[in-house]
Amino acid sequence: MNISKIEQRALHVLALGGHILHERGDGPKITAATCVTRDGMMLADFGLTVFNRLRQKRLIESRSGSPYRISKRGRIVVRSQLDNQGA
């Protein structure tokens, strides 16, 4: 499966324990999404388009309205790499 650099970076953050906070407008449609690391930092390049692509590929999931987290399929697809926080 082809995954862009931004999607790969977001999946890596989610695999390390991060989550995606989403906001809804008047209806059921999601209007904003932010990716938060386990340390509470926000991922800069993450936006609604990246969120929608990850959701369409079923790499992230939400259960009972909770924040989005990486799915089992997402864990399989993410390329393993060293922890890039120090680099």
PDB file of N, CA and C in Angstrom:
ATOM      1  N   MET A   1       0.846  -1.173   0.000  1.00  0.00           N
ATOM      2  CA  MET A   1       0.000   0.000   0.000  1.00  0.00           C
ATOM      3  C   MET A   1       0.894   1.241   0.000  1.00  0.00           C
ATOM      4  N   ASN A   2       0.595   2.186  -0.864  1.00  0.00           N
ATOM      5  CA  ASN A   2       1.363   3.416  -0.948  1.00  0.00           C
ATOM      6  C   ASN A   2       0.865   4.419   0.090  1.00  0.00           C
ATOM      7  N   ILE A   3       1.810   4.921   0.874  1.00  0.00           N
ATOM      8  CA  ILE A   3       1.486   5.883   1.920  1.00  0.00           C
ATOM      9  C   ILE A   3       2.445   7.059   1.780  1.00  0.00           C
ATOM     10  N   SER A   4       1.916   8.284   1.832  1.00  0.00           N
ATOM     11  CA  SER A   4       2.759   9.462   1.698  1.00  0.00           C
ATOM     12  C   SER A   4       3.587   9.670   2.967  1.00  0.00           C
ATOM     13  N   LYS A   5       4.559  10.587   2.881  1.00  0.00           N
ATOM     14  CA  LYS A   5       5.411  10.863   4.038  1.00  0.00           C
ATOM     15  C   LYS A   5       4.604  11.401   5.218  1.00  0.00           C
ATOM     16  N   ILE A   6       3.660  12.259   4.942  1.00  0.00           N
ATOM     17  CA  ILE A   6       2.852  12.851   6.012  1.00  0.00           C
ATOM     18  C   ILE A   6       1.989  11.783   6.683  1.00  0.00           C
ATOM     19  N   GLU A   7       1.394  10.909   5.883  1.00  0.00           N
ATOM     20  CA  GLU A   7       0.599   9.814   6.436  1.00  0.00           C
ATOM     21  C   GLU A   7       1.479   8.881   7.259  1.00  0.00           C
ATOM     22  N   GLN A   8       2.677   8.594   6.760  1.00  0.00           N
ATOM     23  CA  GLN A   8       3.607   7.719   7.468  1.00  0.00           C
ATOM     24  C   GLN A   8       4.006   8.335   8.803  1.00  0.00           C
ATOM     25  N   ARG A   9       4.271   9.632   8.815  1.00  0.00           N
ATOM     26  CA  ARG A   9       4.650  10.324  10.041  1.00  0.00           C
ATOM     27  C   ARG A   9       3.500  10.288  11.059  1.00  0.00           C
ATOM     28  N   ALA A  10       2.282  10.502  10.592  1.00  0.00           N
ATOM     29  CA  ALA A  10       1.130  10.464  11.487  1.00  0.00           C
ATOM     30  C   ALA A  10       0.918   9.056  12.050  1.00  0.00           C
ATOM     31  N   LEU A  11       1.051   8.041  11.210  1.00  0.00           N
ATOM     32  CA  LEU A  11       0.909   6.664  11.693  1.00  0.00           C
ATOM     33  C   LEU A  11       1.988   6.315  12.700  1.00  0.00           C
ATOM     34  N   HIS A  12       3.194   6.823  12.491  1.00  0.00           N
ATOM     35  CA  HIS A  12       4.276   6.556  13.429  1.00  0.00           C
ATOM     36  C   HIS A  12       3.980   7.191  14.792  1.00  0.00           C
ATOM     37  N   VAL A  13       3.456   8.411  14.786  1.00  0.00           N
ATOM     38  CA  VAL A  13       3.074   9.083  16.036  1.00  0.00           C
ATOM     39  C   VAL A  13       1.969   8.303  16.734  1.00  0.00           C
ATOM     40  N   LEU A  14       0.995   7.825  15.974  1.00  0.00           N
ATOM     41  CA  LEU A  14      -0.102   7.057  16.555  1.00  0.00           C
ATOM     42  C   LEU A  14       0.380   5.720  17.107  1.00  0.00           C
ATOM     43  N   ALA A  15       1.340   5.100  16.425  1.00  0.00           N
ATOM     44  CA  ALA A  15       1.872   3.821  16.889  1.00  0.00           C
ATOM     45  C   ALA A  15       2.637   3.982  18.197  1.00  0.00           C
ATOM     46  N   LEU A  16       3.192   5.170  18.424  1.00  0.00           N
ATOM     47  CA  LEU A  16       3.925   5.437  19.661  1.00  0.00           C
ATOM     48  C   LEU A  16       3.007   5.869  20.804  1.00  0.00           C
ATOM     49  N   GLY A  17       1.701   5.882  20.577  1.00  0.00           N
ATOM     50  CA  GLY A  17       0.758   6.197  21.656  1.00  0.00           C
ATOM     51  C   GLY A  17       0.015   7.498  21.492  1.00  0.00           C
ATOM     52  N   GLY A  18       0.105   8.125  20.340  1.00  0.00           N
ATOM     53  CA  GLY A  18      -0.618   9.364  20.099  1.00  0.00           C
ATOM     54  C   GLY A  18      -2.070   9.102  19.734  1.00  0.00           C
ATOM     55  N   HIS A  19      -2.825  10.183  19.523  1.00  0.00           N
ATOM     56  CA  HIS A  19      -4.221  10.052  19.115  1.00  0.00           C
ATOM     57  C   HIS A  19      -4.624  11.262  18.277  1.00  0.00           C
ATOM     58  N   ILE A  20      -5.779  11.154  17.624  1.00  0.00           N
ATOM     59  CA  ILE A  20      -6.292  12.229  16.777  1.00  0.00           C
ATOM     60  C   ILE A  20      -7.574  12.755  17.396  1.00  0.00           C
ATOM     61  N   LEU A  21      -7.570  14.037  17.717  1.00  0.00           N
ATOM     62  CA  LEU A  21      -8.770  14.685  18.232  1.00  0.00           C
ATOM     63  C   LEU A  21      -9.554  15.251  17.062  1.00  0.00           C
ATOM     64  N   HIS A  22     -10.862  15.041  17.073  1.00  0.00           N
ATOM     65  CA  HIS A  22     -11.688  15.530  15.980  1.00  0.00           C
ATOM     66  C   HIS A  22     -12.809  16.398  16.517  1.00  0.00           C
ATOM     67  N   GLU A  23     -13.255  17.336  15.683  1.00  0.00           N
ATOM     68  CA  GLU A  23     -14.367  18.218  16.029  1.00  0.00           C
ATOM     69  C   GLU A  23     -15.438  18.092  14.964  1.00  0.00           C
ATOM     70  N   ARG A  24     -16.664  18.154  15.401  1.00  0.00           N
ATOM     71  CA  ARG A  24     -17.797  18.061  14.475  1.00  0.00           C
ATOM     72  C   ARG A  24     -18.504  19.409  14.404  1.00  0.00           C
ATOM     73  N   GLY A  25     -19.069  19.686  13.244  1.00  0.00           N
ATOM     74  CA  GLY A  25     -19.848  20.909  13.043  1.00  0.00           C
ATOM     75  C   GLY A  25     -21.264  20.707  13.563  1.00  0.00           C
ATOM     76  N   ASP A  26     -22.231  21.273  12.876  1.00  0.00           N
ATOM     77  CA  ASP A  26     -23.634  21.138  13.267  1.00  0.00           C
ATOM     78  C   ASP A  26     -24.140  19.719  13.077  1.00  0.00           C
ATOM     79  N   GLY A  27     -23.676  19.052  12.041  1.00  0.00           N
ATOM     80  CA  GLY A  27     -24.123  17.696  11.739  1.00  0.00           C
ATOM     81  C   GLY A  27     -23.074  16.671  12.114  1.00  0.00           C
ATOM     82  N   PRO A  28     -23.184  15.492  11.506  1.00  0.00           N
ATOM     83  CA  PRO A  28     -22.233  14.427  11.825  1.00  0.00           C
ATOM     84  C   PRO A  28     -20.880  14.561  11.120  1.00  0.00           C
ATOM     85  N   LYS A  29     -20.740  15.550  10.224  1.00  0.00           N
ATOM     86  CA  LYS A  29     -19.514  15.696   9.447  1.00  0.00           C
ATOM     87  C   LYS A  29     -18.384  16.261  10.315  1.00  0.00           C
ATOM     88  N   ILE A  30     -17.186  15.677  10.182  1.00  0.00           N
ATOM     89  CA  ILE A  30     -16.019  16.137  10.930  1.00  0.00           C
ATOM     90  C   ILE A  30     -15.443  17.357  10.226  1.00  0.00           C
ATOM     91  N   THR A  31     -15.245  18.455  10.987  1.00  0.00           N
ATOM     92  CA  THR A  31     -14.782  19.712  10.407  1.00  0.00           C
ATOM     93  C   THR A  31     -13.319  20.007  10.692  1.00  0.00           C
ATOM     94  N   ALA A  32     -12.754  19.413  11.742  1.00  0.00           N
ATOM     95  CA  ALA A  32     -11.348  19.662  12.076  1.00  0.00           C
ATOM     96  C   ALA A  32     -10.755  18.427  12.742  1.00  0.00           C
ATOM     97  N   ALA A  33      -9.456  18.217  12.513  1.00  0.00           N
ATOM     98  CA  ALA A  33      -8.766  17.088  13.118  1.00  0.00           C
ATOM     99  C   ALA A  33      -7.334  17.502  13.432  1.00  0.00           C
ATOM    100  N   THR A  34      -6.855  17.147  14.628  1.00  0.00           N
ATOM    101  CA  THR A  34      -5.478  17.429  15.019  1.00  0.00           C
ATOM    102  C   THR A  34      -4.856  16.164  15.570  1.00  0.00           C
ATOM    103  N   CYS A  35      -3.616  15.906  15.184  1.00  0.00           N
ATOM    104  CA  CYS A  35      -2.882  14.740  15.652  1.00  0.00           C
ATOM    105  C   CYS A  35      -2.016  15.160  16.829  1.00  0.00           C
ATOM    106  N   VAL A  36      -2.184  14.465  17.960  1.00  0.00           N
ATOM    107  CA  VAL A  36      -1.480  14.802  19.189  1.00  0.00           C
ATOM    108  C   VAL A  36      -0.581  13.637  19.581  1.00  0.00           C
ATOM    109  N   THR A  37       0.683  13.928  19.899  1.00  0.00           N
ATOM    110  CA  THR A  37       1.609  12.887  20.330  1.00  0.00           C
ATOM    111  C   THR A  37       1.303  12.501  21.772  1.00  0.00           C
ATOM    112  N   ARG A  38       1.951  11.465  22.254  1.00  0.00           N
ATOM    113  CA  ARG A  38       1.724  11.029  23.626  1.00  0.00           C
ATOM    114  C   ARG A  38       2.237  12.053  24.636  1.00  0.00           C
ATOM    115  N   ASP A  39       3.137  12.962  24.187  1.00  0.00           N
ATOM    116  CA  ASP A  39       3.664  14.010  25.058  1.00  0.00           C
ATOM    117  C   ASP A  39       2.801  15.264  25.055  1.00  0.00           C
ATOM    118  N   GLY A  40       1.775  15.304  24.203  1.00  0.00           N
ATOM    119  CA  GLY A  40       0.880  16.450  24.136  1.00  0.00           C
ATOM    120  C   GLY A  40       1.225  17.454  23.055  1.00  0.00           C
ATOM    121  N   MET A  41       2.211  17.161  22.228  1.00  0.00           N
ATOM    122  CA  MET A  41       2.598  18.054  21.139  1.00  0.00           C
ATOM    123  C   MET A  41       1.707  17.777  19.925  1.00  0.00           C
ATOM    124  N   MET A  42       1.442  18.822  19.120  1.00  0.00           N
ATOM    125  CA  MET A  42       0.620  18.659  17.931  1.00  0.00           C
ATOM    126  C   MET A  42       1.501  18.482  16.708  1.00  0.00           C
ATOM    127  N   LEU A  43       1.091  17.604  15.809  1.00  0.00           N
ATOM    128  CA  LEU A  43       1.810  17.364  14.557  1.00  0.00           C
ATOM    129  C   LEU A  43       1.470  18.491  13.589  1.00  0.00           C
ATOM    130  N   ALA A  44       2.498  19.176  13.065  1.00  0.00           N
ATOM    131  CA  ALA A  44       2.300  20.396  12.278  1.00  0.00           C
ATOM    132  C   ALA A  44       1.656  20.142  10.918  1.00  0.00           C
ATOM    133  N   ASP A  45       2.079  19.116  10.194  1.00  0.00           N
ATOM    134  CA  ASP A  45       1.618  18.905   8.823  1.00  0.00           C
ATOM    135  C   ASP A  45       0.270  18.203   8.729  1.00  0.00           C
ATOM    136  N   PHE A  46      -0.299  17.830   9.846  1.00  0.00           N
ATOM    137  CA  PHE A  46      -1.526  17.048   9.839  1.00  0.00           C
ATOM    138  C   PHE A  46      -2.727  17.959   9.620  1.00  0.00           C
ATOM    139  N   GLY A  47      -3.620  17.544   8.737  1.00  0.00           N
ATOM    140  CA  GLY A  47      -4.822  18.312   8.448  1.00  0.00           C
ATOM    141  C   GLY A  47      -5.996  17.402   8.150  1.00  0.00           C
ATOM    142  N   LEU A  48      -7.087  18.001   7.756  1.00  0.00           N
ATOM    143  CA  LEU A  48      -8.308  17.255   7.490  1.00  0.00           C
ATOM    144  C   LEU A  48      -8.156  16.330   6.277  1.00  0.00           C
ATOM    145  N   THR A  49      -7.373  16.739   5.276  1.00  0.00           N
ATOM    146  CA  THR A  49      -7.193  15.885   4.099  1.00  0.00           C
ATOM    147  C   THR A  49      -6.412  14.623   4.451  1.00  0.00           C
ATOM    148  N   VAL A  50      -5.364  14.758   5.261  1.00  0.00           N
ATOM    149  CA  VAL A  50      -4.586  13.591   5.688  1.00  0.00           C
ATOM    150  C   VAL A  50      -5.457  12.681   6.548  1.00  0.00           C
ATOM    151  N   PHE A  51      -6.246  13.278   7.424  1.00  0.00           N
ATOM    152  CA  PHE A  51      -7.164  12.518   8.274  1.00  0.00           C
ATOM    153  C   PHE A  51      -8.134  11.696   7.432  1.00  0.00           C
ATOM    154  N   ASN A  52      -8.717  12.325   6.417  1.00  0.00           N
ATOM    155  CA  ASN A  52      -9.673  11.614   5.560  1.00  0.00           C
ATOM    156  C   ASN A  52      -9.015  10.485   4.774  1.00  0.00           C
ATOM    157  N   ARG A  53      -7.772  10.704   4.303  1.00  0.00           N
ATOM    158  CA  ARG A  53      -7.069   9.637   3.577  1.00  0.00           C
ATOM    159  C   ARG A  53      -6.776   8.450   4.489  1.00  0.00           C
ATOM    160  N   LEU A  54      -6.347   8.719   5.722  1.00  0.00           N
ATOM    161  CA  LEU A  54      -6.076   7.627   6.669  1.00  0.00           C
ATOM    162  C   LEU A  54      -7.360   6.869   7.012  1.00  0.00           C
ATOM    163  N   ARG A  55      -8.443   7.597   7.133  1.00  0.00           N
ATOM    164  CA  ARG A  55      -9.718   6.958   7.455  1.00  0.00           C
ATOM    165  C   ARG A  55     -10.255   6.139   6.287  1.00  0.00           C
ATOM    166  N   GLN A  56     -10.099   6.636   5.068  1.00  0.00           N
ATOM    167  CA  GLN A  56     -10.557   5.895   3.892  1.00  0.00           C
ATOM    168  C   GLN A  56      -9.776   4.604   3.713  1.00  0.00           C
ATOM    169  N   LYS A  57      -8.493   4.625   4.047  1.00  0.00           N
ATOM    170  CA  LYS A  57      -7.660   3.431   3.934  1.00  0.00           C
ATOM    171  C   LYS A  57      -7.821   2.507   5.142  1.00  0.00           C
ATOM    172  N   ARG A  58      -8.651   2.906   6.101  1.00  0.00           N
ATOM    173  CA  ARG A  58      -8.928   2.151   7.329  1.00  0.00           C
ATOM    174  C   ARG A  58      -7.665   1.905   8.153  1.00  0.00           C
ATOM    175  N   LEU A  59      -6.801   2.919   8.210  1.00  0.00           N
ATOM    176  CA  LEU A  59      -5.582   2.817   8.997  1.00  0.00           C
ATOM    177  C   LEU A  59      -5.770   3.384  10.402  1.00  0.00           C
ATOM    178  N   ILE A  60      -6.854   4.154  10.599  1.00  0.00           N
ATOM    179  CA  ILE A  60      -7.203   4.666  11.919  1.00  0.00           C
ATOM    180  C   ILE A  60      -8.659   4.327  12.198  1.00  0.00           C
ATOM    181  N   GLU A  61      -9.003   4.305  13.493  1.00  0.00           N
ATOM    182  CA  GLU A  61     -10.387   3.987  13.856  1.00  0.00           C
ATOM    183  C   GLU A  61     -10.751   4.669  15.165  1.00  0.00           C
ATOM    184  N   SER A  62     -12.034   4.881  15.346  1.00  0.00           N
ATOM    185  CA  SER A  62     -12.568   5.446  16.577  1.00  0.00           C
ATOM    186  C   SER A  62     -13.677   4.532  17.072  1.00  0.00           C
ATOM    187  N   ARG A  63     -13.708   4.335  18.351  1.00  0.00           N
ATOM    188  CA  ARG A  63     -14.748   3.483  18.942  1.00  0.00           C
ATOM    189  C   ARG A  63     -15.560   4.285  19.935  1.00  0.00           C
ATOM    190  N   SER A  64     -16.866   4.313  19.751  1.00  0.00           N
ATOM    191  CA  SER A  64     -17.807   4.989  20.647  1.00  0.00           C
ATOM    192  C   SER A  64     -17.510   6.473  20.804  1.00  0.00           C
ATOM    193  N   GLY A  65     -17.098   7.141  19.733  1.00  0.00           N
ATOM    194  CA  GLY A  65     -16.864   8.579  19.782  1.00  0.00           C
ATOM    195  C   GLY A  65     -15.569   8.994  20.458  1.00  0.00           C
ATOM    196  N   SER A  66     -14.715   8.052  20.775  1.00  0.00           N
ATOM    197  CA  SER A  66     -13.441   8.383  21.409  1.00  0.00           C
ATOM    198  C   SER A  66     -12.464   8.915  20.360  1.00  0.00           C
ATOM    199  N   PRO A  67     -11.322   9.483  20.774  1.00  0.00           N
ATOM    200  CA  PRO A  67     -10.340   9.958  19.784  1.00  0.00           C
ATOM    201  C   PRO A  67      -9.872   8.828  18.874  1.00  0.00           C
ATOM    202  N   TYR A  68      -9.527   9.198  17.651  1.00  0.00           N
ATOM    203  CA  TYR A  68      -9.060   8.205  16.685  1.00  0.00           C
ATOM    204  C   TYR A  68      -7.681   7.696  17.081  1.00  0.00           C
ATOM    205  N   ARG A  69      -7.479   6.392  16.928  1.00  0.00           N
ATOM    206  CA  ARG A  69      -6.202   5.751  17.212  1.00  0.00           C
ATOM    207  C   ARG A  69      -5.846   4.858  16.032  1.00  0.00           C
ATOM    208  N   ILE A  70      -4.647   4.347  16.007  1.00  0.00           N
ATOM    209  CA  ILE A  70      -4.201   3.488  14.923  1.00  0.00           C
ATOM    210  C   ILE A  70      -4.946   2.153  14.989  1.00  0.00           C
ATOM    211  N   SER A  71      -5.337   1.636  13.836  1.00  0.00           N
ATOM    212  CA  SER A  71      -6.038   0.354  13.781  1.00  0.00           C
ATOM    213  C   SER A  71      -5.030  -0.780  13.636  1.00  0.00           C
ATOM    214  N   LYS A  72      -5.522  -1.992  13.678  1.00  0.00           N
ATOM    215  CA  LYS A  72      -4.635  -3.150  13.510  1.00  0.00           C
ATOM    216  C   LYS A  72      -4.013  -3.129  12.118  1.00  0.00           C
ATOM    217  N   ARG A  73      -4.803  -2.772  11.126  1.00  0.00           N
ATOM    218  CA  ARG A  73      -4.293  -2.670   9.761  1.00  0.00           C
ATOM    219  C   ARG A  73      -3.224  -1.583   9.659  1.00  0.00           C
ATOM    220  N   GLY A  74      -3.416  -0.495  10.391  1.00  0.00           N
ATOM    221  CA  GLY A  74      -2.436   0.580  10.396  1.00  0.00           C
ATOM    222  C   GLY A  74      -1.120   0.149  11.018  1.00  0.00           C
ATOM    223  N   ARG A  75      -1.186  -0.673  12.057  1.00  0.00           N
ATOM    224  CA  ARG A  75       0.040  -1.176  12.682  1.00  0.00           C
ATOM    225  C   ARG A  75       0.821  -2.069  11.736  1.00  0.00           C
ATOM    226  N   ILE A  76       0.113  -2.810  10.902  1.00  0.00           N
ATOM    227  CA  ILE A  76       0.774  -3.690   9.942  1.00  0.00           C
ATOM    228  C   ILE A  76       1.434  -2.868   8.832  1.00  0.00           C
ATOM    229  N   VAL A  77       0.776  -1.808   8.389  1.00  0.00           N
ATOM    230  CA  VAL A  77       1.243  -1.020   7.257  1.00  0.00           C
ATOM    231  C   VAL A  77       2.400  -0.086   7.627  1.00  0.00           C
ATOM    232  N   VAL A  78       2.419   0.427   8.846  1.00  0.00           N
ATOM    233  CA  VAL A  78       3.451   1.404   9.223  1.00  0.00           C
ATOM    234  C   VAL A  78       4.827   0.756   9.160  1.00  0.00           C
ATOM    235  N   ARG A  79       5.765   1.468   8.536  1.00  0.00           N
ATOM    236  CA  ARG A  79       7.124   0.956   8.424  1.00  0.00           C
ATOM    237  C   ARG A  79       7.834   1.175   9.740  1.00  0.00           C
ATOM    238  N   SER A  80       8.488   0.147  10.243  1.00  0.00           N
ATOM    239  CA  SER A  80       9.199   0.295  11.499  1.00  0.00           C
ATOM    240  C   SER A  80      10.417   1.175  11.288  1.00  0.00           C
ATOM    241  N   GLN A  81      10.649   2.049  12.255  1.00  0.00           N
ATOM    242  CA  GLN A  81      11.811   2.926  12.207  1.00  0.00           C
ATOM    243  C   GLN A  81      12.208   3.275  13.622  1.00  0.00           C
ATOM    244  N   LEU A  82      13.417   3.738  13.780  1.00  0.00           N
ATOM    245  CA  LEU A  82      13.868   4.133  15.093  1.00  0.00           C
ATOM    246  C   LEU A  82      13.070   5.328  15.573  1.00  0.00           C
ATOM    247  N   ASP A  83      13.014   5.502  16.879  1.00  0.00           N
ATOM    248  CA  ASP A  83      12.303   6.639  17.446  1.00  0.00           C
ATOM    249  C   ASP A  83      12.970   7.927  16.960  1.00  0.00           C
ATOM    250  N   ASN A  84      12.238   8.740  16.211  1.00  0.00           N
ATOM    251  CA  ASN A  84      12.840   9.899  15.567  1.00  0.00           C
ATOM    252  C   ASN A  84      12.710  11.176  16.383  1.00  0.00           C
ATOM    253  N   GLN A  85      12.448  11.099  17.673  1.00  0.00           N
ATOM    254  CA  GLN A  85      12.296  12.297  18.479  1.00  0.00           C
ATOM    255  C   GLN A  85      13.630  12.992  18.727  1.00  0.00           C
ATOM    256  N   GLY A  86      14.713  12.244  18.793  1.00  0.00           N
ATOM    257  CA  GLY A  86      16.011  12.832  19.051  1.00  0.00           C
ATOM    258  C   GLY A  86      16.695  13.363  17.801  1.00  0.00           C
ATOM    259  N   ALA A  87      16.228  12.957  16.647  1.00  0.00           N
ATOM    260  CA  ALA A  87      16.913  13.350  15.406  1.00  0.00           C
ATOM    261  C   ALA A  87      16.294  14.571  14.774  1.00  0.00           C
TER     262      ALA A  87
END
